[in-house]
N, C-alpha and C. Protein backbone atom coordinates (compact mmCIF):
# COMPACT_ATOMS: atom_id res chain seq x y z
N MET A 1 0.84 -1.17 0.00
CA MET A 1 0.00 0.00 0.00
C MET A 1 0.88 1.23 0.00
N HIS A 2 0.59 2.17 -0.85
CA HIS A 2 1.36 3.40 -0.93
C HIS A 2 0.69 4.50 -0.12
N HIS A 3 1.50 5.25 0.58
CA HIS A 3 1.01 6.39 1.35
C HIS A 3 1.60 7.65 0.74
N PRO A 4 0.80 8.43 0.01
CA PRO A 4 1.36 9.64 -0.61
C PRO A 4 1.76 10.66 0.44
N LEU A 5 2.92 11.26 0.22
CA LEU A 5 3.40 12.33 1.08
C LEU A 5 3.58 13.57 0.22
N PRO A 6 3.01 14.69 0.62
CA PRO A 6 3.17 15.90 -0.19
C PRO A 6 4.61 16.40 -0.14
N ILE A 7 5.10 16.87 -1.27
CA ILE A 7 6.40 17.51 -1.34
C ILE A 7 6.24 18.78 -2.14
N ARG A 8 7.30 19.56 -2.23
CA ARG A 8 7.22 20.80 -2.98
C ARG A 8 6.76 20.57 -4.40
N GLY A 9 5.98 21.50 -4.91
CA GLY A 9 5.48 21.36 -6.28
C GLY A 9 4.26 20.47 -6.31
N SER A 10 3.95 19.98 -7.49
CA SER A 10 2.72 19.20 -7.64
C SER A 10 2.97 17.70 -7.58
N ARG A 11 4.19 17.28 -7.33
CA ARG A 11 4.49 15.86 -7.31
C ARG A 11 4.26 15.27 -5.93
N THR A 12 4.14 13.96 -5.88
CA THR A 12 3.90 13.25 -4.64
C THR A 12 4.93 12.15 -4.49
N LEU A 13 5.48 11.99 -3.30
CA LEU A 13 6.35 10.86 -3.01
C LEU A 13 5.49 9.70 -2.57
N ARG A 14 5.90 8.51 -2.97
CA ARG A 14 5.17 7.33 -2.52
C ARG A 14 6.13 6.44 -1.75
N ILE A 15 5.65 5.88 -0.69
CA ILE A 15 6.45 4.95 0.10
C ILE A 15 5.91 3.57 -0.19
N GLY A 16 6.78 2.70 -0.71
CA GLY A 16 6.37 1.35 -1.08
C GLY A 16 6.29 0.43 0.12
N LYS A 17 5.80 -0.79 -0.11
CA LYS A 17 5.60 -1.74 0.98
C LYS A 17 6.91 -2.13 1.65
N ASN A 18 8.03 -2.02 0.92
CA ASN A 18 9.33 -2.36 1.49
C ASN A 18 10.06 -1.14 2.03
N GLY A 19 9.37 -0.03 2.16
CA GLY A 19 9.96 1.17 2.72
C GLY A 19 10.68 2.04 1.71
N GLY A 20 10.69 1.61 0.45
CA GLY A 20 11.36 2.40 -0.59
C GLY A 20 10.58 3.66 -0.89
N VAL A 21 11.29 4.72 -1.18
CA VAL A 21 10.66 5.98 -1.49
C VAL A 21 10.97 6.29 -2.95
N GLY A 22 9.96 6.69 -3.71
CA GLY A 22 10.20 7.02 -5.10
C GLY A 22 9.22 8.07 -5.58
N ASP A 23 9.59 8.76 -6.62
CA ASP A 23 8.73 9.76 -7.23
C ASP A 23 7.63 9.04 -8.00
N ALA A 24 6.38 9.34 -7.74
CA ALA A 24 5.27 8.66 -8.39
C ALA A 24 5.25 8.89 -9.89
N HIS A 25 5.92 9.92 -10.38
CA HIS A 25 5.93 10.24 -11.81
C HIS A 25 7.20 9.80 -12.50
N GLN A 26 8.11 9.23 -11.75
CA GLN A 26 9.39 8.83 -12.33
C GLN A 26 9.25 7.50 -13.07
N VAL A 27 9.86 7.42 -14.22
CA VAL A 27 9.86 6.19 -15.01
C VAL A 27 11.15 5.45 -14.69
N MET A 28 11.03 4.12 -14.49
CA MET A 28 12.22 3.34 -14.20
C MET A 28 13.15 3.37 -15.39
N ARG A 29 14.42 3.48 -15.12
CA ARG A 29 15.40 3.46 -16.19
C ARG A 29 16.62 2.70 -15.71
N GLN A 30 17.38 2.19 -16.67
CA GLN A 30 18.59 1.47 -16.32
C GLN A 30 19.67 2.46 -15.94
N ILE A 31 20.31 2.22 -14.82
CA ILE A 31 21.38 3.08 -14.37
C ILE A 31 22.67 2.57 -15.01
N PRO A 32 23.36 3.44 -15.73
CA PRO A 32 24.58 2.98 -16.39
C PRO A 32 25.64 2.56 -15.39
N THR A 33 26.40 1.55 -15.77
CA THR A 33 27.50 1.10 -14.92
C THR A 33 28.78 1.60 -15.57
N GLU A 34 29.78 0.78 -15.64
CA GLU A 34 31.02 1.18 -16.30
C GLU A 34 30.84 1.05 -17.80
N PRO A 35 31.57 1.79 -18.62
CA PRO A 35 31.40 1.74 -20.06
C PRO A 35 31.55 0.35 -20.65
N ALA A 36 32.41 -0.49 -20.10
CA ALA A 36 32.66 -1.81 -20.67
C ALA A 36 31.70 -2.86 -20.13
N GLY A 37 30.66 -2.50 -19.44
CA GLY A 37 29.71 -3.47 -18.90
C GLY A 37 29.55 -3.29 -17.41
N LEU A 38 29.53 -4.40 -16.71
CA LEU A 38 29.30 -4.37 -15.27
C LEU A 38 30.58 -4.06 -14.50
N PRO A 39 30.43 -3.45 -13.31
CA PRO A 39 31.61 -3.24 -12.46
C PRO A 39 32.31 -4.57 -12.21
N SER A 40 33.60 -4.54 -12.04
CA SER A 40 34.38 -5.79 -11.94
C SER A 40 33.92 -6.69 -10.79
N ALA A 41 33.57 -6.14 -9.64
CA ALA A 41 33.13 -6.98 -8.52
C ALA A 41 31.84 -7.71 -8.85
N VAL A 42 30.92 -7.04 -9.50
CA VAL A 42 29.65 -7.67 -9.89
C VAL A 42 29.91 -8.72 -10.96
N GLY A 43 30.71 -8.37 -11.94
CA GLY A 43 31.04 -9.31 -13.01
C GLY A 43 31.73 -10.55 -12.47
N GLU A 44 32.62 -10.37 -11.52
CA GLU A 44 33.32 -11.52 -10.92
C GLU A 44 32.35 -12.39 -10.14
N TRP A 45 31.43 -11.79 -9.40
CA TRP A 45 30.42 -12.57 -8.67
C TRP A 45 29.56 -13.36 -9.65
N ARG A 46 29.14 -12.70 -10.75
CA ARG A 46 28.32 -13.39 -11.76
C ARG A 46 29.10 -14.55 -12.37
N ARG A 47 30.39 -14.32 -12.68
CA ARG A 47 31.22 -15.38 -13.28
C ARG A 47 31.32 -16.58 -12.35
N ARG A 48 31.60 -16.34 -11.08
CA ARG A 48 31.70 -17.45 -10.12
C ARG A 48 30.38 -18.19 -9.99
N ARG A 49 29.28 -17.44 -9.97
CA ARG A 49 27.96 -18.07 -9.83
C ARG A 49 27.65 -18.97 -11.02
N LEU A 50 28.01 -18.53 -12.22
CA LEU A 50 27.79 -19.34 -13.42
C LEU A 50 28.66 -20.58 -13.43
N ILE A 51 29.90 -20.47 -12.99
CA ILE A 51 30.78 -21.64 -12.93
C ILE A 51 30.23 -22.67 -11.96
N VAL A 52 29.76 -22.22 -10.79
CA VAL A 52 29.17 -23.13 -9.81
C VAL A 52 27.95 -23.84 -10.41
N ALA A 53 27.22 -23.14 -11.28
CA ALA A 53 26.02 -23.71 -11.90
C ALA A 53 26.36 -24.67 -13.04
N GLY A 54 27.65 -24.76 -13.42
CA GLY A 54 28.03 -25.72 -14.45
C GLY A 54 28.48 -25.14 -15.78
N PHE A 55 28.57 -23.82 -15.88
CA PHE A 55 29.01 -23.19 -17.11
C PHE A 55 30.53 -23.34 -17.25
N GLU A 56 31.00 -23.61 -18.47
CA GLU A 56 32.43 -23.66 -18.77
C GLU A 56 33.01 -22.28 -18.46
N ALA A 57 34.25 -22.25 -17.97
CA ALA A 57 34.86 -21.02 -17.46
C ALA A 57 34.86 -19.88 -18.48
N ARG A 58 35.20 -20.16 -19.73
CA ARG A 58 35.26 -19.08 -20.74
C ARG A 58 33.87 -18.54 -21.06
N LEU A 59 32.88 -19.43 -21.15
CA LEU A 59 31.50 -18.99 -21.41
C LEU A 59 30.98 -18.20 -20.21
N ALA A 60 31.27 -18.68 -19.00
CA ALA A 60 30.83 -17.97 -17.79
C ALA A 60 31.41 -16.56 -17.76
N ALA A 61 32.68 -16.41 -18.12
CA ALA A 61 33.32 -15.09 -18.12
C ALA A 61 32.66 -14.17 -19.14
N ALA A 62 32.37 -14.70 -20.33
CA ALA A 62 31.74 -13.88 -21.37
C ALA A 62 30.33 -13.46 -20.96
N LEU A 63 29.57 -14.37 -20.39
CA LEU A 63 28.21 -14.05 -19.96
C LEU A 63 28.22 -13.07 -18.79
N ALA A 64 29.16 -13.23 -17.89
CA ALA A 64 29.23 -12.38 -16.70
C ALA A 64 29.52 -10.93 -17.06
N ARG A 65 30.29 -10.70 -18.12
CA ARG A 65 30.62 -9.33 -18.54
C ARG A 65 29.46 -8.62 -19.22
N ASP A 66 28.50 -9.37 -19.74
CA ASP A 66 27.42 -8.80 -20.54
C ASP A 66 26.21 -8.49 -19.67
N ASP A 67 25.96 -7.20 -19.41
CA ASP A 67 24.83 -6.83 -18.55
C ASP A 67 23.48 -7.01 -19.23
N ALA A 68 23.46 -7.38 -20.51
CA ALA A 68 22.20 -7.65 -21.21
C ALA A 68 21.75 -9.10 -20.97
N VAL A 69 22.61 -9.93 -20.39
CA VAL A 69 22.29 -11.32 -20.11
C VAL A 69 21.67 -11.41 -18.72
N ASP A 70 20.51 -12.03 -18.63
CA ASP A 70 19.79 -12.18 -17.36
C ASP A 70 20.32 -13.41 -16.61
N LEU A 71 21.15 -13.17 -15.61
CA LEU A 71 21.75 -14.25 -14.84
C LEU A 71 20.69 -15.15 -14.21
N HIS A 72 19.69 -14.55 -13.63
CA HIS A 72 18.64 -15.32 -12.97
C HIS A 72 17.97 -16.29 -13.94
N GLU A 73 17.62 -15.82 -15.12
CA GLU A 73 16.95 -16.70 -16.08
C GLU A 73 17.88 -17.80 -16.57
N LEU A 74 19.18 -17.51 -16.72
CA LEU A 74 20.14 -18.56 -17.07
C LEU A 74 20.12 -19.66 -16.01
N LEU A 75 20.16 -19.26 -14.76
CA LEU A 75 20.19 -20.24 -13.67
C LEU A 75 18.89 -21.02 -13.58
N VAL A 76 17.76 -20.39 -13.87
CA VAL A 76 16.47 -21.09 -13.87
C VAL A 76 16.48 -22.19 -14.94
N LEU A 77 16.94 -21.86 -16.13
CA LEU A 77 16.99 -22.85 -17.21
C LEU A 77 17.89 -24.03 -16.84
N VAL A 78 19.07 -23.73 -16.30
CA VAL A 78 20.00 -24.80 -15.91
C VAL A 78 19.40 -25.64 -14.78
N ASP A 79 18.75 -25.01 -13.82
CA ASP A 79 18.11 -25.75 -12.72
C ASP A 79 17.03 -26.69 -13.24
N ARG A 80 16.42 -26.34 -14.37
CA ARG A 80 15.37 -27.17 -14.96
C ARG A 80 15.93 -28.23 -15.90
N GLY A 81 17.27 -28.32 -15.98
CA GLY A 81 17.89 -29.38 -16.76
C GLY A 81 18.44 -28.97 -18.11
N CYS A 82 18.37 -27.71 -18.45
CA CYS A 82 18.89 -27.23 -19.72
C CYS A 82 20.42 -27.18 -19.64
N PRO A 83 21.12 -27.71 -20.64
CA PRO A 83 22.58 -27.60 -20.63
C PRO A 83 23.01 -26.12 -20.65
N PRO A 84 24.07 -25.78 -19.92
CA PRO A 84 24.49 -24.38 -19.82
C PRO A 84 24.71 -23.69 -21.17
N ALA A 85 25.37 -24.35 -22.10
CA ALA A 85 25.63 -23.72 -23.41
C ALA A 85 24.33 -23.42 -24.14
N LEU A 86 23.35 -24.32 -24.03
CA LEU A 86 22.06 -24.10 -24.68
C LEU A 86 21.30 -22.97 -23.99
N ALA A 87 21.37 -22.92 -22.66
CA ALA A 87 20.71 -21.83 -21.93
C ALA A 87 21.28 -20.48 -22.37
N ALA A 88 22.59 -20.41 -22.59
CA ALA A 88 23.22 -19.16 -23.04
C ALA A 88 22.72 -18.78 -24.43
N ARG A 89 22.53 -19.76 -25.30
CA ARG A 89 22.04 -19.47 -26.65
C ARG A 89 20.58 -19.02 -26.61
N ILE A 90 19.77 -19.66 -25.77
CA ILE A 90 18.35 -19.32 -25.67
C ILE A 90 18.19 -17.87 -25.19
N LEU A 91 18.98 -17.47 -24.23
CA LEU A 91 18.83 -16.15 -23.62
C LEU A 91 19.76 -15.09 -24.20
N ALA A 92 20.46 -15.42 -25.27
CA ALA A 92 21.34 -14.42 -25.90
C ALA A 92 20.49 -13.25 -26.39
N PRO A 93 20.95 -12.01 -26.17
CA PRO A 93 20.20 -10.85 -26.65
C PRO A 93 19.92 -10.96 -28.15
N VAL A 94 18.75 -10.58 -28.57
CA VAL A 94 18.32 -10.69 -29.96
C VAL A 94 19.32 -9.99 -30.88
N GLY A 95 19.69 -10.67 -31.94
CA GLY A 95 20.57 -10.10 -32.93
C GLY A 95 22.05 -10.17 -32.61
N ARG A 96 22.39 -10.67 -31.43
CA ARG A 96 23.80 -10.72 -31.04
C ARG A 96 24.35 -12.13 -31.00
N GLY A 97 23.48 -13.14 -30.93
CA GLY A 97 23.97 -14.50 -30.85
C GLY A 97 24.62 -14.77 -29.51
N GLN A 98 25.33 -15.89 -29.44
CA GLN A 98 25.98 -16.29 -28.19
C GLN A 98 27.20 -15.43 -27.93
N PRO A 99 27.46 -15.05 -26.66
CA PRO A 99 28.65 -14.25 -26.37
C PRO A 99 29.91 -14.97 -26.81
N ARG A 100 30.86 -14.19 -27.28
CA ARG A 100 32.13 -14.77 -27.72
C ARG A 100 32.98 -15.08 -26.51
N CYS A 101 33.61 -16.25 -26.56
CA CYS A 101 34.47 -16.68 -25.46
C CYS A 101 35.90 -16.32 -25.73
């Protein structure tokens, strides 16, 4: 449940169920990270997580660097029995094919 709070001007702040505060008129947008993709700590965490899930090291590294690849969906496919290389091909961003290793 949102509780509107008046602020300056005609806009209203909303407090979400998890305590988050956001502008009711703001559109969600992707926050840019580093120019070459994800910050190194995040990319390294993603790479390790993919290796633990069964991805070959070079493929895991390529997928981890690409912020257009949905890590969660990759892991869901693998958990359901999809081979890691096939999961990477299924979820490859449209028009880009599988990440280069």
